[in-house]
Amino acid sequence: MRNLVIPRLTSRCFSVKLLGITENWTKNGHLIVRPYVKDVLKYVGAIVYDSSGRRVGVVTDVIGRVDNPRIVAKLDCRDLGELLLSRKERLYALLPRERRGRGGRP
């Protein structure tokens, strides 16, 4: 799996994973992504970036069949969807942090 270090985030040493390629978009600001990753459910809530390191949106849902899922991302700007689709842009995701509880059962 390819990793990309986003220039804006290098001071914090975050690395992001290749999420997939744009497949479709809706006029109400959602982007449909064909994933390159296996476990798509752990990407819900992840921040999505394009190949130039610009923030695109947030992963909100996973739809489709189990053997052929699609990732739904809510775009920060509605007009960005058409541009990403026309360029067949590769998208990258910064995984959300796992929350740890204080005490109690694991």
Protein backbone atom coordinates (compact mmCIF):
# COMPACT_ATOMS: atom_id res chain seq x y z
CA MET A 1 0.00 0.00 0.00
CA ARG A 2 1.42 3.39 -0.94
CA ASN A 3 1.95 6.05 1.68
CA LEU A 4 2.08 9.75 0.98
CA VAL A 5 3.38 12.42 3.30
CA ILE A 6 1.31 15.55 2.87
CA PRO A 7 3.57 18.63 2.80
CA ARG A 8 1.27 20.66 5.06
CA LEU A 9 1.34 17.93 7.71
CA THR A 10 5.05 17.09 7.71
CA SER A 11 5.71 19.06 10.88
CA ARG A 12 3.54 16.57 12.74
CA CYS A 13 4.82 13.56 10.76
CA PHE A 14 1.43 12.26 9.72
CA SER A 15 1.32 9.74 6.92
CA VAL A 16 -1.81 9.12 4.95
CA LYS A 17 -2.91 6.00 3.08
CA LEU A 18 -4.04 5.76 -0.52
CA LEU A 19 -7.84 5.55 -0.25
CA GLY A 20 -8.96 5.11 -3.86
CA ILE A 21 -9.97 6.81 -7.08
CA THR A 22 -12.98 9.03 -7.70
CA GLU A 23 -15.87 7.31 -9.44
CA ASN A 24 -18.86 9.64 -9.25
CA TRP A 25 -20.16 12.74 -7.47
CA THR A 26 -23.54 14.18 -6.55
CA LYS A 27 -24.68 17.77 -6.79
CA ASN A 28 -25.45 17.90 -3.08
CA GLY A 29 -21.76 17.56 -2.23
CA HIS A 30 -20.95 13.84 -1.96
CA LEU A 31 -18.15 11.99 -3.71
CA ILE A 32 -18.22 8.26 -4.51
CA VAL A 33 -14.80 6.60 -4.30
CA ARG A 34 -13.72 3.17 -5.56
CA PRO A 35 -11.45 1.99 -2.73
CA TYR A 36 -7.95 0.52 -3.04
CA VAL A 37 -8.02 -0.58 0.61
CA LYS A 38 -9.36 -3.84 2.01
CA ASP A 39 -10.91 -2.81 5.34
CA VAL A 40 -13.08 0.13 4.29
CA LEU A 41 -15.07 0.39 7.53
CA LYS A 42 -12.13 1.69 9.54
CA TYR A 43 -11.94 4.70 7.21
CA VAL A 44 -15.33 6.12 8.27
CA GLY A 45 -14.59 9.51 9.80
CA ALA A 46 -11.23 9.85 8.02
CA ILE A 47 -10.16 13.13 6.45
CA VAL A 48 -9.73 12.91 2.66
CA TYR A 49 -6.97 14.68 0.69
CA ASP A 50 -6.21 14.89 -3.02
CA SER A 51 -2.80 14.16 -4.54
CA SER A 52 -1.64 17.77 -4.08
CA GLY A 53 -2.29 17.65 -0.34
CA ARG A 54 -5.43 19.78 -0.33
CA ARG A 55 -8.21 18.73 2.05
CA VAL A 56 -11.21 17.49 0.07
CA GLY A 57 -13.68 16.29 2.71
CA VAL A 58 -14.54 13.57 5.23
CA VAL A 59 -15.56 9.92 4.76
CA THR A 60 -19.16 9.59 5.94
CA ASP A 61 -20.40 6.18 4.78
CA VAL A 62 -19.65 2.91 3.02
CA ILE A 63 -22.21 1.62 0.51
CA GLY A 64 -22.53 -1.29 -1.91
CA ARG A 65 -21.95 -5.00 -1.74
CA VAL A 66 -19.47 -6.57 0.65
CA ASP A 67 -17.24 -7.80 -2.18
CA ASN A 68 -17.45 -4.50 -4.11
CA PRO A 69 -17.93 -1.56 -1.67
CA ARG A 70 -17.85 2.15 -2.39
CA ILE A 71 -16.82 4.93 -0.02
CA VAL A 72 -18.95 8.07 0.33
CA ALA A 73 -17.14 11.30 1.24
CA LYS A 74 -18.82 14.60 2.09
CA LEU A 75 -17.01 17.33 0.15
CA ASP A 76 -15.92 20.56 1.82
CA CYS A 77 -16.83 22.45 -1.37
CA ARG A 78 -19.60 21.16 -3.66
CA ASP A 79 -17.91 22.42 -6.83
CA LEU A 80 -14.80 20.36 -6.14
CA GLY A 81 -16.51 17.06 -7.07
CA GLU A 82 -16.70 17.74 -10.79
CA LEU A 83 -13.03 18.73 -10.92
CA LEU A 84 -11.88 15.62 -9.03
CA LEU A 85 -13.97 13.35 -11.24
CA SER A 86 -12.75 14.88 -14.50
CA ARG A 87 -9.11 14.38 -13.46
CA LYS A 88 -9.73 10.83 -12.07
CA GLU A 89 -7.94 12.04 -8.96
CA ARG A 90 -6.33 9.63 -6.50
CA LEU A 91 -7.54 10.33 -2.99
CA TYR A 92 -5.68 9.78 0.27
CA ALA A 93 -7.07 9.44 3.80
CA LEU A 94 -5.78 10.30 7.23
CA LEU A 95 -7.22 7.68 9.58
CA PRO A 96 -9.18 8.86 12.62
CA ARG A 97 -7.50 8.25 15.95
CA GLU A 98 -8.73 5.42 18.12
CA ARG A 99 -10.21 6.63 21.35
CA ARG A 100 -9.02 5.10 24.56
CA GLY A 101 -11.19 5.12 27.63
CA ARG A 102 -10.05 5.94 31.11
CA GLY A 103 -10.08 2.82 33.21
CA GLY A 104 -12.85 0.29 33.09
CA ARG A 105 -12.94 -2.75 30.89
CA PRO A 106 -10.85 -2.87 27.72
